[in-house]
């Protein structure tokens, strides 16, 4: 029971990044072996915001945005300028750093910019994730609701940095009523993600997805968070007519009591999620393993790109693994391809304590080579798809496999 409770706690938190406010931000917690990250952290120190923003000059800021960020859409620039104007109108205190995310772009493209408004410089330009319920390559659904696992658009200010289960992370304070004002309570934070690496994106065609958090490439997480933390302005854009109409940060010069009284609960329903059935092995009463294959082996055997929707959310020894669907497993069994069956592994989540919080890692169960797979065929209905199997191993005891299409917290990017 204790193991089940620990596992539940470790995998149920939004973005796997529950804040731990009492942990110090000491240099001892930084990975001393990561020389590149250390150098980038030192370089970023000159960008740590110390000053409040100077008097806002819309023309100069617009010129800077267009010059320094030619890929930034005109509509995005217009809304950012409106946000800066309205933030001043509403006396929203913020420093000289401005972060912009454009979620109208696909996750395969760089869509996060960080600017210094005082020096009029572009500091960072990189990739950023969206929530797993917001879309796959493109994001088109956003939510302010708890447990939605979707991104939230709108205007934020940044809060304190802290060390969570994803390492250095940054709290975000949503200011846009009805669009992101639940972000803090939803544990929507900025953190790093191994699935945001440029090589990963180029290999698989898109970035991985978070549970609603804007995740960054790991090597840029520390310098970006150290630059934008502590009360900078943060704008997440998407061409939403609802946001354009109802946000007070886009309409301060003509924002009426009628607009502020709009009900925001009429949120669109999230897109229907189609999940393929995968296979669990019952190893013991409290421990079930999932059948997987390394992503590189998967691509070679099935002659198709590995589906990120069935990729484990944690790497194992820096390798990605794909949960096999029932259809794929059945085809391997039918072909009697023993070599391909030898690339099937069974993995379980393992909960560990790191820096005062629980993290989930994936562990391969050493069952050895598969000797034989026996499908359980219903003799009363032979047309019914096979959903259960017995797997015999050369050295270990047999295990029973069953299929499930239920949501699995540590599966899918």
Protein backbone atom coordinates (compact mmCIF):
# COMPACT_ATOMS: atom_id res chain seq x y z
CA UNK A 1 0.00 0.00 0.00
CA UNK A 2 2.80 2.43 0.93
CA UNK A 3 4.46 1.85 -2.46
CA UNK A 4 1.20 2.53 -4.27
CA UNK A 5 0.66 5.78 -2.36
CA UNK A 6 4.19 6.98 -3.12
CA UNK A 7 3.74 6.18 -6.80
CA UNK A 8 0.40 7.97 -6.91
CA UNK A 9 1.91 11.06 -5.27
CA UNK A 10 4.89 11.04 -7.60
CA UNK A 11 2.94 10.94 -10.84
CA UNK A 12 -0.26 12.89 -10.18
CA UNK A 13 1.14 16.39 -9.84
CA UNK A 14 0.60 18.67 -12.81
CA UNK A 15 3.78 18.81 -14.95
CA UNK A 16 5.47 16.51 -12.39
CA UNK A 17 6.77 19.73 -10.82
CA UNK A 18 5.15 20.47 -7.46
CA UNK A 19 6.83 23.52 -5.88
CA UNK A 20 8.87 22.94 -2.74
CA UNK A 21 9.18 26.40 -1.26
CA UNK A 22 11.64 25.68 1.53
CA UNK A 23 14.48 24.32 -0.57
CA UNK A 24 17.41 26.74 -0.94
CA UNK A 25 18.68 27.85 -4.31
CA UNK A 26 22.29 27.04 -3.52
CA UNK A 27 25.10 26.36 -5.91
CA UNK A 28 25.45 22.92 -4.33
CA UNK A 29 22.22 21.91 -6.04
CA UNK A 30 23.53 22.71 -9.50
CA UNK A 31 25.00 19.83 -11.47
CA UNK A 32 28.70 20.63 -11.28
CA UNK A 33 29.49 18.24 -14.09
CA UNK A 34 27.42 20.14 -16.64
CA UNK A 35 30.11 22.53 -17.83
CA UNK A 36 28.07 23.94 -20.70
CA UNK A 37 25.13 24.78 -18.45
CA UNK A 38 27.47 26.34 -15.92
CA UNK A 39 29.04 28.58 -18.54
CA UNK A 40 25.62 29.64 -19.84
CA UNK A 41 24.52 30.42 -16.31
CA UNK A 42 27.52 32.69 -15.83
CA UNK A 43 26.87 34.39 -19.16
CA UNK A 44 23.22 34.92 -18.25
CA UNK A 45 24.11 36.76 -15.05
CA UNK A 46 24.59 39.98 -16.96
CA UNK A 47 20.94 39.71 -17.96
CA UNK A 48 19.56 39.19 -14.47
CA UNK A 49 16.98 41.99 -14.22
CA UNK A 50 17.86 44.58 -11.61
CA UNK A 51 15.95 47.60 -12.89
CA UNK A 52 12.33 48.44 -13.34
CA UNK A 53 11.27 49.22 -16.88
CA UNK A 54 11.98 52.72 -18.10
CA UNK A 55 9.13 54.87 -19.36
CA UNK A 56 7.38 52.88 -22.06
CA UNK A 57 7.88 54.08 -25.63
CA UNK A 58 5.57 52.06 -27.84
CA UNK A 59 7.28 53.05 -31.07
CA UNK A 60 10.77 52.11 -29.86
CA UNK A 61 9.58 48.79 -28.42
CA UNK A 62 7.76 47.95 -31.65
CA UNK A 63 10.86 48.76 -33.70
CA UNK A 64 12.98 46.61 -31.41
CA UNK A 65 10.60 43.63 -31.61
CA UNK A 66 10.46 43.78 -35.40
CA UNK A 67 14.21 44.21 -35.78
CA UNK A 68 15.42 41.69 -33.20
CA UNK A 69 12.70 39.08 -33.80
CA UNK A 70 11.81 39.05 -37.52
CA UNK A 71 9.90 35.77 -37.05
CA UNK A 72 7.57 37.35 -34.51
CA UNK A 73 4.12 37.73 -36.08
CA UNK A 74 2.68 41.25 -36.43
CA UNK A 75 -0.47 40.22 -34.55
CA UNK A 76 1.66 38.99 -31.65
CA UNK A 77 3.56 42.27 -31.55
CA UNK A 78 0.29 44.24 -31.52
CA UNK A 79 -1.05 42.25 -28.56
CA UNK A 80 2.24 42.51 -26.66
CA UNK A 81 2.27 46.29 -27.12
CA UNK A 82 -1.33 46.44 -25.89
CA UNK A 83 -0.31 44.35 -22.87
CA UNK A 84 2.56 46.70 -22.01
CA UNK A 85 0.24 49.69 -22.27
CA UNK A 86 -2.48 48.09 -20.16
CA UNK A 87 -0.02 46.79 -17.57
CA UNK A 88 1.06 50.39 -17.06
CA UNK A 89 -2.56 51.54 -16.97
CA UNK A 90 -3.39 49.01 -14.24
CA UNK A 91 -0.16 49.72 -12.30
CA UNK A 92 1.14 46.18 -12.77
CA UNK A 93 4.71 46.34 -11.51
CA UNK A 94 7.25 44.49 -13.60
CA UNK A 95 10.92 44.76 -14.47
CA UNK A 96 12.70 45.24 -17.79
CA UNK A 97 12.48 41.62 -19.02
CA UNK A 98 9.73 40.52 -21.41
CA UNK A 99 9.02 36.89 -22.38
CA UNK A 100 6.74 36.00 -25.30
CA UNK A 101 5.39 32.61 -26.37
CA UNK A 102 3.50 32.27 -29.66
CA UNK A 103 1.36 29.13 -29.48
CA UNK A 104 0.04 29.70 -33.00
CA UNK A 105 3.35 28.17 -34.15
CA UNK A 106 4.00 24.40 -34.14
CA UNK A 107 6.18 22.90 -31.42
CA UNK A 108 8.75 21.94 -34.06
CA UNK A 109 9.63 25.63 -34.38
CA UNK A 110 11.24 28.03 -31.95
CA UNK A 111 8.41 30.05 -30.41
CA UNK A 112 9.74 31.59 -27.19
CA UNK A 113 11.51 34.97 -27.09
CA UNK A 114 13.08 36.79 -24.13
CA UNK A 115 13.84 40.51 -24.48
CA UNK A 116 15.50 43.17 -22.35
CA UNK A 117 13.31 46.24 -22.88
CA UNK A 118 15.89 48.63 -21.46
CA UNK A 119 18.84 47.54 -23.59
CA UNK A 120 16.47 46.63 -26.46
CA UNK A 121 18.13 43.26 -26.96
CA UNK A 122 16.89 39.75 -27.73
CA UNK A 123 18.34 37.52 -25.02
CA UNK A 124 16.92 34.08 -25.88
CA UNK A 125 15.02 32.49 -28.76
CA UNK A 126 14.18 28.81 -28.36
CA UNK A 127 11.65 25.97 -28.26
CA UNK A 128 8.89 25.63 -25.67
CA UNK A 129 6.34 22.88 -25.01
CA UNK A 130 2.57 23.03 -24.72
CA UNK A 131 0.23 20.88 -22.65
CA UNK A 132 -0.56 17.33 -23.70
CA UNK A 133 -4.28 18.17 -24.01
CA UNK A 134 -3.61 21.34 -26.04
CA UNK A 135 -2.73 19.46 -29.23
CA UNK A 136 0.07 17.43 -30.79
CA UNK A 137 2.25 19.38 -33.24
CA UNK A 138 -0.06 22.39 -33.10
CA UNK A 139 -1.83 23.70 -30.02
CA UNK A 140 -5.48 24.64 -30.41
CA UNK A 141 -7.08 24.02 -27.01
CA UNK A 142 -6.32 25.96 -23.84
CA UNK A 143 -7.74 25.72 -20.36
CA UNK A 144 -7.75 27.46 -16.99
CA UNK A 145 -9.26 24.43 -15.27
CA UNK A 146 -7.66 22.12 -12.75
CA UNK A 147 -6.29 18.81 -14.03
CA UNK A 148 -6.93 19.84 -17.65
CA UNK A 149 -3.30 19.12 -18.64
CA UNK A 150 -3.63 21.99 -21.14
CA UNK A 151 -1.68 25.21 -21.53
CA UNK A 152 -3.13 28.57 -20.46
CA UNK A 153 -2.80 31.67 -22.62
CA UNK A 154 -2.70 35.25 -21.39
CA UNK A 155 -0.60 37.64 -19.34
CA UNK A 156 1.56 36.54 -16.41
CA UNK A 157 4.26 37.88 -14.17
CA UNK A 158 7.07 35.61 -13.07
CA UNK A 159 7.56 34.68 -9.43
CA UNK A 160 10.34 32.95 -7.54
CA UNK A 161 12.54 30.14 -8.81
CA UNK A 162 12.73 26.90 -6.83
CA UNK A 163 14.00 23.34 -7.15
CA UNK A 164 11.23 20.82 -7.88
CA UNK A 165 11.04 17.31 -9.25
CA UNK A 166 12.09 18.67 -12.67
CA UNK A 167 15.09 20.55 -11.25
CA UNK A 168 15.22 24.35 -11.38
CA UNK A 169 11.69 25.64 -12.00
CA UNK A 170 9.89 28.98 -12.04
CA UNK A 171 6.50 29.85 -10.60
CA UNK A 172 4.17 31.83 -12.85
CA UNK A 173 1.44 34.17 -11.60
CA UNK A 174 -1.49 34.35 -14.04
CA UNK A 175 -3.06 37.82 -14.21
CA UNK A 176 -5.67 37.20 -16.91
CA UNK A 177 -8.97 36.43 -15.20
CA UNK A 178 -10.66 33.40 -16.69
CA UNK A 179 -7.67 32.50 -18.85
CA UNK A 180 -4.74 31.79 -16.53
CA UNK A 181 -5.57 32.98 -13.01
CA UNK A 182 -5.63 29.36 -11.82
CA UNK A 183 -2.09 28.77 -13.09
CA UNK A 184 -0.43 29.00 -9.69
CA UNK A 185 -2.87 26.61 -8.04
CA UNK A 186 -2.55 24.25 -11.01
CA UNK A 187 1.24 24.20 -10.46
CA UNK A 188 1.81 25.61 -13.93
CA UNK A 189 5.51 26.47 -13.85
CA UNK A 190 8.44 26.80 -16.22
CA UNK A 191 10.93 23.93 -16.09
CA UNK A 192 13.25 21.94 -18.31
CA UNK A 193 12.34 18.84 -20.29
CA UNK A 194 14.61 16.31 -22.02
CA UNK A 195 11.94 16.04 -24.72
CA UNK A 196 12.58 19.71 -25.67
CA UNK A 197 16.09 19.10 -26.98
CA UNK A 198 16.53 20.23 -30.59
CA UNK A 199 17.88 16.81 -31.61
CA UNK A 200 14.77 15.15 -30.17
CA UNK A 201 12.52 17.56 -32.07
CA UNK A 202 14.32 17.00 -35.36
CA UNK A 203 14.36 13.22 -34.85
CA UNK A 204 10.67 12.82 -34.03
CA UNK A 205 9.17 15.78 -35.90
CA UNK A 206 7.87 17.68 -32.88
CA UNK A 207 8.60 18.43 -29.25
CA UNK A 208 7.28 16.36 -26.40
CA UNK A 209 4.39 17.71 -24.35
CA UNK A 210 4.09 18.69 -20.71
CA UNK A 211 1.00 18.63 -18.51
CA UNK A 212 0.40 22.32 -19.17
CA UNK A 213 3.77 23.80 -18.21
CA UNK A 214 5.97 25.73 -20.65
CA UNK A 215 8.95 23.35 -20.66
CA UNK A 216 12.31 24.43 -22.09
CA UNK A 217 15.40 22.70 -23.50
CA UNK A 218 17.37 21.51 -20.47
CA UNK A 219 20.60 23.33 -21.35
CA UNK A 220 18.76 26.68 -21.50
CA UNK A 221 16.54 26.23 -18.45
CA UNK A 222 18.93 27.68 -15.87
CA UNK A 223 20.00 30.79 -17.83
CA UNK A 224 16.45 31.59 -18.93
CA UNK A 225 14.89 31.12 -15.49
CA UNK A 226 17.66 33.13 -13.83
CA UNK A 227 17.00 35.91 -16.34
CA UNK A 228 13.21 36.11 -16.22
CA UNK A 229 12.49 35.24 -12.56
CA UNK A 230 11.27 37.72 -9.95
CA UNK A 231 8.57 39.87 -11.52
CA UNK A 232 9.10 40.05 -15.26
CA UNK A 233 6.26 40.24 -17.76
CA UNK A 234 5.32 37.00 -19.53
CA UNK A 235 2.82 36.89 -22.43
CA UNK A 236 1.51 33.63 -23.90
CA UNK A 237 -0.19 34.38 -27.22
CA UNK A 238 -2.72 32.47 -29.27
CA UNK A 239 -5.19 34.01 -31.78
CA UNK A 240 -8.21 33.41 -29.55
CA UNK A 241 -11.19 35.69 -30.23
CA UNK A 242 -12.35 35.02 -26.68
CA UNK A 243 -9.06 36.28 -25.24
CA UNK A 244 -8.95 39.24 -27.64
CA UNK A 245 -12.41 40.32 -26.46
CA UNK A 246 -12.33 39.57 -22.74
CA UNK A 247 -8.77 40.19 -21.57
CA UNK A 248 -8.41 43.46 -19.70
CA UNK A 249 -4.77 43.57 -20.82
CA UNK A 250 -5.84 43.88 -24.45
CA UNK A 251 -8.72 46.29 -23.92
CA UNK A 252 -7.79 48.73 -21.14
CA UNK A 253 -8.83 51.83 -23.10
CA UNK A 254 -12.30 50.46 -23.75
CA UNK A 255 -12.76 47.78 -21.09
CA UNK A 256 -16.34 47.90 -19.82
CA UNK A 257 -18.03 46.43 -16.72
CA UNK A 258 -19.94 44.21 -19.14
CA UNK A 259 -16.70 42.62 -20.34
CA UNK A 260 -15.46 42.07 -16.80
CA UNK A 261 -18.73 40.34 -15.89
CA UNK A 262 -18.50 37.76 -18.65
CA UNK A 263 -18.71 34.21 -17.42
CA UNK A 264 -15.58 32.27 -18.21
CA UNK A 265 -16.85 28.83 -17.28
CA UNK A 266 -18.18 28.17 -20.79
CA UNK A 267 -14.84 26.71 -21.86
CA UNK A 268 -14.75 24.54 -24.94
CA UNK A 269 -14.51 20.83 -24.38
CA UNK A 270 -11.06 19.31 -24.85
CA UNK A 271 -10.45 17.33 -28.04
CA UNK A 272 -11.39 13.67 -27.86
CA UNK A 273 -8.36 11.56 -27.12
CA UNK A 274 -7.99 8.25 -28.94
CA UNK A 275 -5.73 5.87 -27.04
CA UNK A 276 -4.42 2.63 -28.45
CA UNK A 277 -4.55 -0.36 -26.14
CA UNK A 278 -1.17 -1.25 -24.64
CA UNK A 279 -0.04 -4.32 -22.68
CA UNK A 280 0.49 -4.77 -18.96
CA UNK A 281 2.21 -7.75 -17.36
CA UNK A 282 1.06 -8.77 -13.90
CA UNK A 283 4.31 -9.41 -12.03
CA UNK A 284 2.83 -9.28 -8.55
CA UNK A 285 -0.23 -8.00 -6.73
CA UNK A 286 1.12 -4.45 -6.48
CA UNK A 287 3.41 -4.31 -9.48
CA UNK A 288 2.46 -4.29 -13.17
CA UNK A 289 4.98 -3.80 -15.96
CA UNK A 290 4.28 -2.40 -19.40
CA UNK A 291 5.62 -3.98 -22.60
CA UNK A 292 7.95 -1.59 -24.44
CA UNK A 293 10.57 -1.43 -27.16
CA UNK A 294 13.45 1.04 -27.60
CA UNK A 295 12.42 3.75 -30.07
CA UNK A 296 15.28 2.99 -32.48
CA UNK A 297 14.40 -0.72 -32.55
CA UNK A 298 10.72 0.16 -32.97
CA UNK A 299 11.45 2.24 -36.08
CA UNK A 300 13.60 -0.50 -37.59
CA UNK A 301 11.13 -3.32 -36.93
CA UNK A 302 7.87 -1.55 -37.79
CA UNK A 303 9.29 0.75 -40.51
CA UNK A 304 7.53 3.81 -39.13
CA UNK A 305 8.28 6.76 -36.88
CA UNK A 306 7.88 5.98 -33.18
CA UNK A 307 4.58 7.41 -31.89
CA UNK A 308 5.27 9.98 -29.17
CA UNK A 309 1.75 9.38 -27.85
CA UNK A 310 3.06 6.04 -26.52
CA UNK A 311 6.56 7.12 -25.53
CA UNK A 312 7.55 6.80 -21.86
CA UNK A 313 7.73 10.18 -20.13
CA UNK A 314 11.07 9.18 -18.66
CA UNK A 315 14.13 7.96 -20.54
CA UNK A 316 16.00 4.85 -19.42
CA UNK A 317 19.77 5.36 -19.59
CA UNK A 318 19.24 8.23 -22.06
CA UNK A 319 17.15 6.11 -24.41
CA UNK A 320 13.51 6.55 -25.43
CA UNK A 321 11.06 3.66 -25.22
CA UNK A 322 7.68 3.09 -26.88
CA UNK A 323 4.84 1.13 -25.29
CA UNK A 324 3.71 -1.54 -27.74
CA UNK A 325 0.11 -1.52 -28.85
CA UNK A 326 -1.91 -4.71 -28.77
CA UNK A 327 -2.01 -4.70 -32.58
CA UNK A 328 1.77 -4.41 -32.86
CA UNK A 329 2.38 -7.13 -30.31
CA UNK A 330 -0.12 -9.45 -32.00
CA UNK A 331 1.60 -8.93 -35.37
CA UNK A 332 4.99 -9.81 -33.89
CA UNK A 333 3.55 -12.95 -32.33
CA UNK A 334 1.79 -13.96 -35.57
CA UNK A 335 4.97 -13.55 -37.59
CA UNK A 336 6.84 -15.77 -35.10
CA UNK A 337 9.80 -13.41 -35.40
CA UNK A 338 11.90 -14.47 -32.40
CA UNK A 339 14.56 -11.84 -33.10
CA UNK A 340 12.01 -9.02 -32.93
CA UNK A 341 10.45 -10.47 -29.78
CA UNK A 342 13.88 -10.33 -28.15
CA UNK A 343 13.73 -6.51 -28.28
CA UNK A 344 10.64 -6.39 -26.08
CA UNK A 345 11.23 -5.28 -22.48
CA UNK A 346 8.98 -4.86 -19.48
CA UNK A 347 9.33 -1.68 -17.42
CA UNK A 348 7.87 -0.45 -14.15
CA UNK A 349 7.81 3.00 -12.52
CA UNK A 350 10.09 3.38 -9.53
CA UNK A 351 9.61 6.16 -6.99
CA UNK A 352 12.72 7.79 -5.52
CA UNK A 353 13.36 10.69 -3.16
CA UNK A 354 15.48 13.55 -4.53
CA UNK A 355 16.09 16.87 -2.78
CA UNK A 356 13.10 16.34 -0.54
CA UNK A 357 10.52 15.41 -3.17
CA UNK A 358 9.43 12.25 -4.95
CA UNK A 359 10.40 11.56 -8.55
CA UNK A 360 9.40 8.72 -10.84
CA UNK A 361 11.98 6.82 -12.86
CA UNK A 362 11.43 3.91 -15.21
CA UNK A 363 13.18 0.61 -14.57
CA UNK A 364 13.56 -2.44 -16.83
CA UNK A 365 12.51 -5.68 -15.14
CA UNK A 366 15.12 -8.39 -15.90
CA UNK A 367 12.89 -11.15 -17.26
CA UNK A 368 15.25 -12.35 -20.00
CA UNK A 369 14.43 -13.54 -23.52
CA UNK A 370 10.90 -14.47 -24.54
CA UNK A 371 10.58 -18.17 -25.33
CA UNK A 372 6.95 -18.33 -26.43
CA UNK A 373 3.77 -16.22 -26.48
CA UNK A 374 0.41 -17.97 -26.14
CA UNK A 375 -2.64 -15.89 -27.11
CA UNK A 376 -5.84 -16.46 -25.11
CA UNK A 377 -8.47 -17.10 -27.77
CA UNK A 378 -12.14 -17.09 -26.83
CA UNK A 379 -13.45 -20.31 -28.36
CA UNK A 380 -17.02 -19.03 -28.14
CA UNK A 381 -16.17 -15.96 -30.22
CA UNK A 382 -13.13 -16.50 -32.42
CA UNK A 383 -13.71 -13.17 -34.23
CA UNK A 384 -13.10 -11.26 -31.00
CA UNK A 385 -9.63 -9.63 -31.00
CA UNK A 386 -7.12 -11.25 -28.67
CA UNK A 387 -6.69 -9.15 -25.52
CA UNK A 388 -4.78 -11.50 -23.23
CA UNK A 389 -1.59 -13.51 -23.57
CA UNK A 390 0.70 -15.74 -21.57
CA UNK A 391 4.39 -15.03 -22.10
CA UNK A 392 6.92 -17.78 -21.35
CA UNK A 393 10.55 -16.83 -20.77
CA UNK A 394 13.67 -18.94 -21.20
CA UNK A 395 14.71 -18.58 -17.56
CA UNK A 396 12.04 -16.66 -15.62
CA UNK A 397 8.48 -17.60 -14.71
CA UNK A 398 5.65 -16.96 -17.16
CA UNK A 399 3.61 -13.76 -16.93
CA UNK A 400 0.09 -12.88 -17.99
CA UNK A 401 -0.40 -9.94 -20.37
CA UNK A 402 -3.61 -7.95 -20.52
CA UNK A 403 -4.55 -4.96 -22.66
CA UNK A 404 -5.74 -1.56 -21.44
CA UNK A 405 -6.61 1.74 -23.11
CA UNK A 406 -6.84 3.61 -19.81
CA UNK A 407 -4.86 6.79 -19.19
CA UNK A 408 -1.38 5.99 -17.83
CA UNK A 409 0.32 8.92 -16.13
CA UNK A 410 3.87 8.12 -17.13
CA UNK A 411 3.05 7.35 -20.75
CA UNK A 412 2.73 9.75 -23.68
CA UNK A 413 4.58 12.86 -24.86
